[in-house]
Amino acid sequence: MTTAAIDIEVTADDIAAYRDRGYWISPKLLTDDQIATGREAIAKLQRGERDGESYGWQRIAPRDMESKALQQWVGAWWVSLGVRELVLSPVVGKAASKIMGVSGVRMWHDQAICKPGLGADADVTADEAKAGNFGWHQDYSYWNYVDTDNLCTVWIALQDTDLSNGGMRTLAGSHKWGFDPKSTIQSQDLDAFKRDCEAMGREWIDEPCIMKAGQASFHHSLTYHGSGPNLTDQPRLSVVAHLIPDGAAYRADGSWNQMTTLMGPHVKTGDKYGDPFFPRLWPVEA
């Protein structure tokens, strides 16, 4: 385990950019040692290894390393000390609280992700290539049983990331379009949604999130985002923290998600998300 040694400044211009465009790319917020920690943590997950005796939300099993499909571990912080260190970092929490305009933030849930490399000669129209695509979606379509859409996703790159290795793409300003309950990942065809938006007269501003290892993209829960194939010969690795304001509460009329079960059998509208399943990143406990 390593200790966070980087603090970052979030300026008024950064906050304004986030509110205008729906996302913000941070300076480097991980040390080189932490980047190495994250990469090794994902390698352990791929081998089916876990730290401690908890299985977390999903039973950790070895992955088929020959498969070109996206590999994703939801709730990885439960079973991986390396992932936990990164996604629960107070550096991440402090930056998110400023971007979100709140006094405190909690973990909603996390992910560890590996997008295998297909190689530069891959046929991007083939099903195998599309297997690594993340279709356009709004995160809030999965989380609307939280009583606010002021949620923020922090996508942390564990290597230099651009479109060549399947980096994330955002539709700048799309958080202003409002919430569409059907905006889940319904297709890995990234061009289909563009045609739909153009037919509705929406301005399509497709911007790549180009980052160095250790940088992060912070995006609003209503911002449409997706990603294409990894056309390099190396995997694209990342860890992701999905964050909610401290004090956010449950609403019963939202869409069901496995997260709701963590509130217990007698949850009711207005119950606040809290420890231990939704730990606070910022401010740090005294």
C-alpha atoms as a PDB file:
ATOM      1  CA  MET A   1       0.000   0.000   0.000  1.00  0.00           C
ATOM      2  CA  THR A   2       1.157   3.506  -0.772  1.00  0.00           C
ATOM      3  CA  THR A   3       0.213   6.864   0.666  1.00  0.00           C
ATOM      4  CA  ALA A   4      -1.278   9.729  -1.343  1.00  0.00           C
ATOM      5  CA  ALA A   5       1.402  12.335  -1.909  1.00  0.00           C
ATOM      6  CA  ILE A   6      -0.321  14.590  -4.417  1.00  0.00           C
ATOM      7  CA  ASP A   7      -2.803  17.355  -3.785  1.00  0.00           C
ATOM      8  CA  ILE A   8      -4.419  19.239  -6.625  1.00  0.00           C
ATOM      9  CA  GLU A   9      -5.941  22.672  -6.939  1.00  0.00           C
ATOM     10  CA  VAL A  10      -9.441  23.024  -8.331  1.00  0.00           C
ATOM     11  CA  THR A  11      -9.866  26.565  -9.593  1.00  0.00           C
ATOM     12  CA  ALA A  12     -12.962  28.656 -10.178  1.00  0.00           C
ATOM     13  CA  ASP A  13     -12.349  28.222 -13.928  1.00  0.00           C
ATOM     14  CA  ASP A  14     -12.286  24.435 -13.491  1.00  0.00           C
ATOM     15  CA  ILE A  15     -15.620  24.519 -11.663  1.00  0.00           C
ATOM     16  CA  ALA A  16     -17.125  26.791 -14.324  1.00  0.00           C
ATOM     17  CA  ALA A  17     -15.898  24.465 -17.088  1.00  0.00           C
ATOM     18  CA  TYR A  18     -17.464  21.454 -15.357  1.00  0.00           C
ATOM     19  CA  ARG A  19     -20.804  23.211 -15.001  1.00  0.00           C
ATOM     20  CA  ASP A  20     -20.741  24.411 -18.613  1.00  0.00           C
ATOM     21  CA  ARG A  21     -19.411  21.299 -20.358  1.00  0.00           C
ATOM     22  CA  GLY A  22     -20.465  18.566 -17.931  1.00  0.00           C
ATOM     23  CA  TYR A  23     -16.970  17.240 -17.336  1.00  0.00           C
ATOM     24  CA  TRP A  24     -13.490  18.267 -16.253  1.00  0.00           C
ATOM     25  CA  ILE A  25     -10.089  16.593 -16.666  1.00  0.00           C
ATOM     26  CA  SER A  26      -7.903  16.938 -13.592  1.00  0.00           C
ATOM     27  CA  PRO A  27      -4.164  17.340 -13.273  1.00  0.00           C
ATOM     28  CA  LYS A  28      -2.304  14.176 -12.291  1.00  0.00           C
ATOM     29  CA  LEU A  29      -3.726  13.045  -8.952  1.00  0.00           C
ATOM     30  CA  LEU A  30      -1.955   9.701  -8.512  1.00  0.00           C
ATOM     31  CA  THR A  31       1.720   9.169  -7.813  1.00  0.00           C
ATOM     32  CA  ASP A  32       3.661   6.761 -10.010  1.00  0.00           C
ATOM     33  CA  ASP A  33       3.638   4.286  -7.122  1.00  0.00           C
ATOM     34  CA  GLN A  34      -0.151   4.531  -6.893  1.00  0.00           C
ATOM     35  CA  ILE A  35      -0.489   3.948 -10.633  1.00  0.00           C
ATOM     36  CA  ALA A  36       1.586   0.783 -10.222  1.00  0.00           C
ATOM     37  CA  THR A  37      -0.588  -0.212  -7.249  1.00  0.00           C
ATOM     38  CA  GLY A  38      -3.732   0.136  -9.364  1.00  0.00           C
ATOM     39  CA  ARG A  39      -2.311  -1.883 -12.243  1.00  0.00           C
ATOM     40  CA  GLU A  40      -1.237  -4.718  -9.938  1.00  0.00           C
ATOM     41  CA  ALA A  41      -4.630  -4.632  -8.205  1.00  0.00           C
ATOM     42  CA  ILE A  42      -6.390  -5.255 -11.526  1.00  0.00           C
ATOM     43  CA  ALA A  43      -3.940  -8.052 -12.352  1.00  0.00           C
ATOM     44  CA  LYS A  44      -4.865  -9.715  -9.037  1.00  0.00           C
ATOM     45  CA  LEU A  45      -8.571  -9.398  -9.825  1.00  0.00           C
ATOM     46  CA  GLN A  46      -7.946 -10.994 -13.212  1.00  0.00           C
ATOM     47  CA  ARG A  47      -6.274 -13.925 -11.451  1.00  0.00           C
ATOM     48  CA  GLY A  48      -9.273 -14.283  -9.161  1.00  0.00           C
ATOM     49  CA  GLU A  49      -7.379 -13.129  -6.060  1.00  0.00           C
ATOM     50  CA  ARG A  50      -8.873 -11.027  -3.291  1.00  0.00           C
ATOM     51  CA  ASP A  51      -7.557  -9.326  -0.164  1.00  0.00           C
ATOM     52  CA  GLY A  52      -9.322 -10.666   2.911  1.00  0.00           C
ATOM     53  CA  GLU A  53     -12.254 -13.029   3.141  1.00  0.00           C
ATOM     54  CA  SER A  54     -15.068 -10.894   1.742  1.00  0.00           C
ATOM     55  CA  TYR A  55     -16.514 -11.698  -1.670  1.00  0.00           C
ATOM     56  CA  GLY A  56     -18.007  -8.256  -1.977  1.00  0.00           C
ATOM     57  CA  TRP A  57     -20.883  -7.917  -4.407  1.00  0.00           C
ATOM     58  CA  GLN A  58     -19.590 -10.363  -6.984  1.00  0.00           C
ATOM     59  CA  ARG A  59     -17.673 -13.612  -6.566  1.00  0.00           C
ATOM     60  CA  ILE A  60     -14.184 -12.915  -7.891  1.00  0.00           C
ATOM     61  CA  ALA A  61     -13.212 -15.574 -10.444  1.00  0.00           C
ATOM     62  CA  PRO A  62     -10.243 -15.735 -12.845  1.00  0.00           C
ATOM     63  CA  ARG A  63     -10.941 -14.068 -16.193  1.00  0.00           C
ATOM     64  CA  ASP A  64     -10.302 -15.512 -19.644  1.00  0.00           C
ATOM     65  CA  MET A  65      -7.246 -13.568 -20.700  1.00  0.00           C
ATOM     66  CA  GLU A  66      -7.754 -14.543 -24.348  1.00  0.00           C
ATOM     67  CA  SER A  67     -11.166 -12.875 -24.484  1.00  0.00           C
ATOM     68  CA  LYS A  68     -11.403  -9.455 -26.115  1.00  0.00           C
ATOM     69  CA  ALA A  69     -14.538  -8.549 -24.171  1.00  0.00           C
ATOM     70  CA  LEU A  70     -14.460  -5.737 -21.626  1.00  0.00           C
ATOM     71  CA  GLN A  71     -13.567  -6.895 -18.106  1.00  0.00           C
ATOM     72  CA  GLN A  72     -15.350  -5.054 -15.304  1.00  0.00           C
ATOM     73  CA  TRP A  73     -15.419  -5.493 -11.530  1.00  0.00           C
ATOM     74  CA  VAL A  74     -18.148  -3.558  -9.705  1.00  0.00           C
ATOM     75  CA  GLY A  75     -17.532  -3.153  -5.987  1.00  0.00           C
ATOM     76  CA  ALA A  76     -13.831  -3.913  -6.352  1.00  0.00           C
ATOM     77  CA  TRP A  77     -12.990  -1.823  -3.270  1.00  0.00           C
ATOM     78  CA  TRP A  78     -14.620  -4.507  -1.138  1.00  0.00           C
ATOM     79  CA  VAL A  79     -12.076  -7.133  -2.167  1.00  0.00           C
ATOM     80  CA  SER A  80      -8.985  -5.190  -3.307  1.00  0.00           C
ATOM     81  CA  LEU A  81      -6.884  -3.050  -0.988  1.00  0.00           C
ATOM     82  CA  GLY A  82      -5.142  -1.535  -4.011  1.00  0.00           C
ATOM     83  CA  VAL A  83      -8.386  -0.397  -5.621  1.00  0.00           C
ATOM     84  CA  ARG A  84      -9.682   0.786  -2.250  1.00  0.00           C
ATOM     85  CA  GLU A  85      -6.667   3.046  -1.747  1.00  0.00           C
ATOM     86  CA  LEU A  86      -7.274   4.813  -5.048  1.00  0.00           C
ATOM     87  CA  VAL A  87     -11.053   5.174  -5.184  1.00  0.00           C
ATOM     88  CA  LEU A  88     -11.410   6.196  -1.516  1.00  0.00           C
ATOM     89  CA  SER A  89      -8.533   8.675  -1.712  1.00  0.00           C
ATOM     90  CA  PRO A  90      -9.189  11.988   0.086  1.00  0.00           C
ATOM     91  CA  VAL A  91      -7.448  13.677  -2.856  1.00  0.00           C
ATOM     92  CA  VAL A  92     -10.244  12.407  -5.101  1.00  0.00           C
ATOM     93  CA  GLY A  93     -12.874  13.275  -2.507  1.00  0.00           C
ATOM     94  CA  LYS A  94     -11.658  16.811  -1.941  1.00  0.00           C
ATOM     95  CA  ALA A  95     -11.507  17.571  -5.680  1.00  0.00           C
ATOM     96  CA  ALA A  96     -14.959  16.081  -6.244  1.00  0.00           C
ATOM     97  CA  SER A  97     -16.494  18.106  -3.407  1.00  0.00           C
ATOM     98  CA  LYS A  98     -15.288  21.310  -5.055  1.00  0.00           C
ATOM     99  CA  ILE A  99     -16.410  20.279  -8.530  1.00  0.00           C
ATOM    100  CA  MET A 100     -19.831  19.192  -7.225  1.00  0.00           C
ATOM    101  CA  GLY A 101     -20.204  22.257  -4.996  1.00  0.00           C
ATOM    102  CA  VAL A 102     -20.868  20.261  -1.825  1.00  0.00           C
ATOM    103  CA  SER A 103     -19.227  20.075   1.586  1.00  0.00           C
ATOM    104  CA  GLY A 104     -18.758  16.308   1.615  1.00  0.00           C
ATOM    105  CA  VAL A 105     -18.839  13.282  -0.693  1.00  0.00           C
ATOM    106  CA  ARG A 106     -19.392   9.557  -0.264  1.00  0.00           C
ATOM    107  CA  MET A 107     -18.634   6.520  -2.363  1.00  0.00           C
ATOM    108  CA  TRP A 108     -21.654   5.355  -4.318  1.00  0.00           C
ATOM    109  CA  HIS A 109     -19.846   2.479  -5.893  1.00  0.00           C
ATOM    110  CA  ASP A 110     -16.634   1.829  -7.762  1.00  0.00           C
ATOM    111  CA  GLN A 111     -15.356  -0.146 -10.719  1.00  0.00           C
ATOM    112  CA  ALA A 112     -12.089  -1.600 -11.921  1.00  0.00           C
ATOM    113  CA  ILE A 113     -11.964  -1.957 -15.701  1.00  0.00           C
ATOM    114  CA  CYS A 114      -9.725  -3.655 -18.260  1.00  0.00           C
ATOM    115  CA  LYS A 115     -10.357  -3.064 -21.956  1.00  0.00           C
ATOM    116  CA  PRO A 116      -8.185  -5.624 -23.828  1.00  0.00           C
ATOM    117  CA  GLY A 117      -6.158  -4.469 -26.804  1.00  0.00           C
ATOM    118  CA  LEU A 118      -7.335  -5.668 -30.221  1.00  0.00           C
ATOM    119  CA  GLY A 119      -4.306  -4.481 -32.178  1.00  0.00           C
ATOM    120  CA  ALA A 120      -3.995  -1.798 -34.822  1.00  0.00           C
ATOM    121  CA  ASP A 121      -5.164  -4.093 -37.628  1.00  0.00           C
ATOM    122  CA  ALA A 122      -8.454  -5.076 -35.972  1.00  0.00           C
ATOM    123  CA  ASP A 123     -11.646  -4.823 -38.026  1.00  0.00           C
ATOM    124  CA  VAL A 124     -13.590  -2.214 -36.033  1.00  0.00           C
ATOM    125  CA  THR A 125     -16.849  -3.325 -37.653  1.00  0.00           C
ATOM    126  CA  ALA A 126     -16.511  -6.871 -36.315  1.00  0.00           C
ATOM    127  CA  ASP A 127     -18.455  -8.049 -33.280  1.00  0.00           C
ATOM    128  CA  GLU A 128     -15.176  -8.770 -31.469  1.00  0.00           C
ATOM    129  CA  ALA A 129     -14.085  -5.145 -31.814  1.00  0.00           C
ATOM    130  CA  LYS A 130     -17.463  -3.835 -30.667  1.00  0.00           C
ATOM    131  CA  ALA A 131     -17.252  -6.060 -27.580  1.00  0.00           C
ATOM    132  CA  GLY A 132     -14.992  -3.443 -26.000  1.00  0.00           C
ATOM    133  CA  ASN A 133     -17.296  -0.513 -26.758  1.00  0.00           C
ATOM    134  CA  PHE A 134     -19.225   1.324 -24.043  1.00  0.00           C
ATOM    135  CA  GLY A 135     -22.371   2.697 -25.636  1.00  0.00           C
ATOM    136  CA  TRP A 136     -23.493   6.281 -25.033  1.00  0.00           C
ATOM    137  CA  HIS A 137     -25.330   6.620 -21.711  1.00  0.00           C
ATOM    138  CA  GLN A 138     -26.107   8.801 -18.694  1.00  0.00           C
ATOM    139  CA  ASP A 139     -24.943   7.339 -15.391  1.00  0.00           C
ATOM    140  CA  TYR A 140     -28.039   8.649 -13.614  1.00  0.00           C
ATOM    141  CA  SER A 141     -30.203   6.269 -15.629  1.00  0.00           C
ATOM    142  CA  TYR A 142     -28.796   3.554 -13.346  1.00  0.00           C
ATOM    143  CA  TRP A 143     -28.850   5.644 -10.157  1.00  0.00           C
ATOM    144  CA  ASN A 144     -32.117   7.568 -10.117  1.00  0.00           C
ATOM    145  CA  TYR A 145     -33.108   6.084  -6.773  1.00  0.00           C
ATOM    146  CA  VAL A 146     -30.782   8.760  -5.325  1.00  0.00           C
ATOM    147  CA  ASP A 147     -32.695  11.961  -4.538  1.00  0.00           C
ATOM    148  CA  THR A 148     -30.324  14.192  -6.512  1.00  0.00           C
ATOM    149  CA  ASP A 149     -28.642  14.025  -9.909  1.00  0.00           C
ATOM    150  CA  ASN A 150     -25.629  15.900  -8.509  1.00  0.00           C
ATOM    151  CA  LEU A 151     -23.529  12.741  -8.708  1.00  0.00           C
ATOM    152  CA  CYS A 152     -20.042  12.650 -10.164  1.00  0.00           C
ATOM    153  CA  THR A 153     -18.024   9.890 -11.810  1.00  0.00           C
ATOM    154  CA  VAL A 154     -14.238  10.015 -11.446  1.00  0.00           C
ATOM    155  CA  TRP A 155     -12.570   7.902 -14.158  1.00  0.00           C
ATOM    156  CA  ILE A 156      -8.861   7.461 -13.334  1.00  0.00           C
ATOM    157  CA  ALA A 157      -6.430   6.434 -16.077  1.00  0.00           C
ATOM    158  CA  LEU A 158      -3.720   3.906 -15.183  1.00  0.00           C
ATOM    159  CA  GLN A 159      -1.804   4.542 -18.413  1.00  0.00           C
ATOM    160  CA  ASP A 160      -1.726   7.297 -21.003  1.00  0.00           C
ATOM    161  CA  THR A 161      -5.166   7.212 -22.582  1.00  0.00           C
ATOM    162  CA  ASP A 162      -6.588   8.540 -25.847  1.00  0.00           C
ATOM    163  CA  LEU A 163      -8.887   7.305 -28.596  1.00  0.00           C
ATOM    164  CA  SER A 164      -6.312   4.808 -29.876  1.00  0.00           C
ATOM    165  CA  ASN A 165      -6.677   2.661 -26.759  1.00  0.00           C
ATOM    166  CA  GLY A 166     -10.404   3.158 -26.295  1.00  0.00           C
ATOM    167  CA  GLY A 167     -10.396   6.270 -24.134  1.00  0.00           C
ATOM    168  CA  MET A 168     -13.644   7.790 -22.960  1.00  0.00           C
ATOM    169  CA  ARG A 169     -15.569  10.259 -25.110  1.00  0.00           C
ATOM    170  CA  THR A 170     -17.991  12.825 -23.702  1.00  0.00           C
ATOM    171  CA  LEU A 171     -20.753  14.842 -25.312  1.00  0.00           C
ATOM    172  CA  ALA A 172     -19.917  18.301 -24.039  1.00  0.00           C
ATOM    173  CA  GLY A 173     -22.929  20.129 -22.665  1.00  0.00           C
ATOM    174  CA  SER A 174     -25.217  17.091 -22.857  1.00  0.00           C
ATOM    175  CA  HIS A 175     -25.927  17.255 -19.116  1.00  0.00           C
ATOM    176  CA  LYS A 176     -28.136  20.231 -19.992  1.00  0.00           C
ATOM    177  CA  TRP A 177     -30.403  18.044 -22.136  1.00  0.00           C
ATOM    178  CA  GLY A 178     -32.119  16.722 -19.014  1.00  0.00           C
ATOM    179  CA  PHE A 179     -32.603  13.207 -17.741  1.00  0.00           C
ATOM    180  CA  ASP A 180     -33.773  10.409 -20.007  1.00  0.00           C
ATOM    181  CA  PRO A 181     -34.732   7.270 -18.015  1.00  0.00           C
ATOM    182  CA  LYS A 182     -33.993   5.197 -21.135  1.00  0.00           C
ATOM    183  CA  SER A 183     -30.423   6.481 -21.436  1.00  0.00           C
ATOM    184  CA  THR A 184     -28.818   3.192 -20.401  1.00  0.00           C
ATOM    185  CA  ILE A 185     -26.285   1.390 -22.578  1.00  0.00           C
ATOM    186  CA  GLN A 186     -28.678  -0.020 -25.150  1.00  0.00           C
ATOM    187  CA  SER A 187     -26.258  -0.362 -28.051  1.00  0.00           C
ATOM    188  CA  GLN A 188     -22.515  -0.640 -28.607  1.00  0.00           C
ATOM    189  CA  ASP A 189     -23.023   1.133 -31.946  1.00  0.00           C
ATOM    190  CA  LEU A 190     -21.670   4.592 -31.144  1.00  0.00           C
ATOM    191  CA  ASP A 191     -22.918   6.123 -34.396  1.00  0.00           C
ATOM    192  CA  ALA A 192     -26.588   5.231 -33.912  1.00  0.00           C
ATOM    193  CA  PHE A 193     -27.121   7.678 -31.043  1.00  0.00           C
ATOM    194  CA  LYS A 194     -25.473  10.467 -33.029  1.00  0.00           C
ATOM    195  CA  ARG A 195     -28.035  10.034 -35.779  1.00  0.00           C
ATOM    196  CA  ASP A 196     -30.844  10.171 -33.217  1.00  0.00           C
ATOM    197  CA  CYS A 197     -29.478  13.361 -31.640  1.00  0.00           C
ATOM    198  CA  GLU A 198     -29.007  15.086 -34.959  1.00  0.00           C
ATOM    199  CA  ALA A 199     -32.592  14.204 -35.874  1.00  0.00           C
ATOM    200  CA  MET A 200     -33.723  15.934 -32.651  1.00  0.00           C
ATOM    201  CA  GLY A 201     -31.642  19.008 -33.431  1.00  0.00           C
ATOM    202  CA  ARG A 202     -29.227  18.529 -30.553  1.00  0.00           C
ATOM    203  CA  GLU A 203     -25.734  19.986 -30.881  1.00  0.00           C
ATOM    204  CA  TRP A 204     -23.297  17.068 -31.066  1.00  0.00           C
ATOM    205  CA  ILE A 205     -19.946  17.993 -29.471  1.00  0.00           C
ATOM    206  CA  ASP A 206     -18.014  14.728 -29.170  1.00  0.00           C
ATOM    207  CA  GLU A 207     -14.841  15.365 -27.176  1.00  0.00           C
ATOM    208  CA  PRO A 208     -12.179  12.765 -26.310  1.00  0.00           C
ATOM    209  CA  CYS A 209     -10.828  12.545 -22.772  1.00  0.00           C
ATOM    210  CA  ILE A 210      -7.110  12.517 -23.490  1.00  0.00           C
ATOM    211  CA  MET A 211      -5.176  11.879 -20.291  1.00  0.00           C
ATOM    212  CA  LYS A 212      -1.777  10.969 -18.986  1.00  0.00           C
ATOM    213  CA  ALA A 213      -1.476   8.121 -16.493  1.00  0.00           C
ATOM    214  CA  GLY A 214      -2.741   9.310 -13.113  1.00  0.00           C
ATOM    215  CA  GLN A 215      -5.106  11.960 -14.453  1.00  0.00           C
ATOM    216  CA  ALA A 216      -8.860  11.662 -14.024  1.00  0.00           C
ATOM    217  CA  SER A 217     -12.010  12.720 -15.801  1.00  0.00           C
ATOM    218  CA  PHE A 218     -14.775  14.035 -13.544  1.00  0.00           C
ATOM    219  CA  HIS A 219     -18.181  13.961 -15.259  1.00  0.00           C
ATOM    220  CA  HIS A 220     -21.725  14.789 -14.184  1.00  0.00           C
ATOM    221  CA  SER A 221     -24.252  11.965 -13.894  1.00  0.00           C
ATOM    222  CA  LEU A 222     -26.324  13.444 -16.757  1.00  0.00           C
ATOM    223  CA  THR A 223     -23.380  13.815 -19.162  1.00  0.00           C
ATOM    224  CA  TYR A 224     -23.547  11.353 -22.031  1.00  0.00           C
ATOM    225  CA  HIS A 225     -20.323   9.413 -22.464  1.00  0.00           C
ATOM    226  CA  GLY A 226     -19.066   6.255 -24.114  1.00  0.00           C
ATOM    227  CA  SER A 227     -15.936   4.719 -25.587  1.00  0.00           C
ATOM    228  CA  GLY A 228     -14.751   2.796 -28.625  1.00  0.00           C
ATOM    229  CA  PRO A 229     -12.378  -0.131 -29.146  1.00  0.00           C
ATOM    230  CA  ASN A 230      -8.815  -0.389 -27.897  1.00  0.00           C
ATOM    231  CA  LEU A 231      -6.768  -0.616 -31.103  1.00  0.00           C
ATOM    232  CA  THR A 232      -3.408  -1.053 -29.417  1.00  0.00           C
ATOM    233  CA  ASP A 233      -1.707  -4.269 -28.305  1.00  0.00           C
ATOM    234  CA  GLN A 234      -1.862  -3.309 -24.614  1.00  0.00           C
ATOM    235  CA  PRO A 235      -4.868  -3.381 -22.242  1.00  0.00           C
ATOM    236  CA  ARG A 236      -6.457  -0.108 -21.165  1.00  0.00           C
ATOM    237  CA  LEU A 237      -6.773  -0.111 -17.375  1.00  0.00           C
ATOM    238  CA  SER A 238      -8.751   2.228 -15.129  1.00  0.00           C
ATOM    239  CA  VAL A 239     -10.410   2.526 -11.750  1.00  0.00           C
ATOM    240  CA  VAL A 240     -13.611   4.477 -11.297  1.00  0.00           C
ATOM    241  CA  ALA A 241     -15.219   6.172  -8.290  1.00  0.00           C
ATOM    242  CA  HIS A 242     -18.915   7.035  -8.532  1.00  0.00           C
ATOM    243  CA  LEU A 243     -19.605   9.662  -5.867  1.00  0.00           C
ATOM    244  CA  ILE A 244     -22.672  11.137  -4.168  1.00  0.00           C
ATOM    245  CA  PRO A 245     -23.034  14.190  -1.919  1.00  0.00           C
ATOM    246  CA  ASP A 246     -22.855  13.481   1.800  1.00  0.00           C
ATOM    247  CA  GLY A 247     -26.493  13.569   2.898  1.00  0.00           C
ATOM    248  CA  ALA A 248     -27.932  12.106  -0.317  1.00  0.00           C
ATOM    249  CA  ALA A 249     -30.990   9.956   0.351  1.00  0.00           C
ATOM    250  CA  TYR A 250     -32.965   7.052  -1.080  1.00  0.00           C
ATOM    251  CA  ARG A 251     -36.063   7.572  -3.216  1.00  0.00           C
ATOM    252  CA  ALA A 252     -38.374   4.640  -3.766  1.00  0.00           C
ATOM    253  CA  ASP A 253     -39.636   5.629  -7.218  1.00  0.00           C
ATOM    254  CA  GLY A 254     -36.282   5.220  -8.944  1.00  0.00           C
ATOM    255  CA  SER A 255     -35.129   2.310 -11.074  1.00  0.00           C
ATOM    256  CA  TRP A 256     -34.026  -0.790  -9.208  1.00  0.00           C
ATOM    257  CA  ASN A 257     -30.310  -1.489  -8.905  1.00  0.00           C
ATOM    258  CA  GLN A 258     -28.345  -3.890  -6.732  1.00  0.00           C
ATOM    259  CA  MET A 259     -27.151  -0.906  -4.701  1.00  0.00           C
ATOM    260  CA  THR A 260     -30.623  -0.543  -3.205  1.00  0.00           C
ATOM    261  CA  THR A 261     -30.229  -3.873  -1.404  1.00  0.00           C
ATOM    262  CA  LEU A 262     -27.361  -2.414   0.646  1.00  0.00           C
ATOM    263  CA  MET A 263     -29.893  -0.157   2.386  1.00  0.00           C
ATOM    264  CA  GLY A 264     -31.470  -3.187   4.071  1.00  0.00           C
ATOM    265  CA  PRO A 265     -34.978  -4.698   4.115  1.00  0.00           C
ATOM    266  CA  HIS A 266     -36.874  -1.767   5.638  1.00  0.00           C
ATOM    267  CA  VAL A 267     -35.532   1.186   3.634  1.00  0.00           C
ATOM    268  CA  LYS A 268     -37.887   4.078   2.936  1.00  0.00           C
ATOM    269  CA  THR A 269     -37.786   7.292   0.955  1.00  0.00           C
ATOM    270  CA  GLY A 270     -35.580   9.866   2.685  1.00  0.00           C
ATOM    271  CA  ASP A 271     -33.208   7.387   4.356  1.00  0.00           C
ATOM    272  CA  LYS A 272     -29.664   8.656   3.905  1.00  0.00           C
ATOM    273  CA  TYR A 273     -26.854   6.686   2.353  1.00  0.00           C
ATOM    274  CA  GLY A 274     -24.063   6.199   4.891  1.00  0.00           C
ATOM    275  CA  ASP A 275     -21.458   3.923   6.413  1.00  0.00           C
ATOM    276  CA  PRO A 276     -20.310   1.241   6.003  1.00  0.00           C
ATOM    277  CA  PHE A 277     -21.464   0.563   2.448  1.00  0.00           C
ATOM    278  CA  PHE A 278     -21.239   4.192   1.282  1.00  0.00           C
ATOM    279  CA  PRO A 279     -18.076   5.471   3.020  1.00  0.00           C
ATOM    280  CA  ARG A 280     -17.182   9.146   3.137  1.00  0.00           C
ATOM    281  CA  LEU A 281     -14.129  10.310   1.175  1.00  0.00           C
ATOM    282  CA  TRP A 282     -14.298  13.966   2.175  1.00  0.00           C
ATOM    283  CA  PRO A 283     -14.008  15.531   4.648  1.00  0.00           C
ATOM    284  CA  VAL A 284     -11.703  12.985   6.233  1.00  0.00           C
ATOM    285  CA  GLU A 285     -12.910  11.589   9.550  1.00  0.00           C
ATOM    286  CA  ALA A 286     -11.043  13.172  12.466  1.00  0.00           C
END
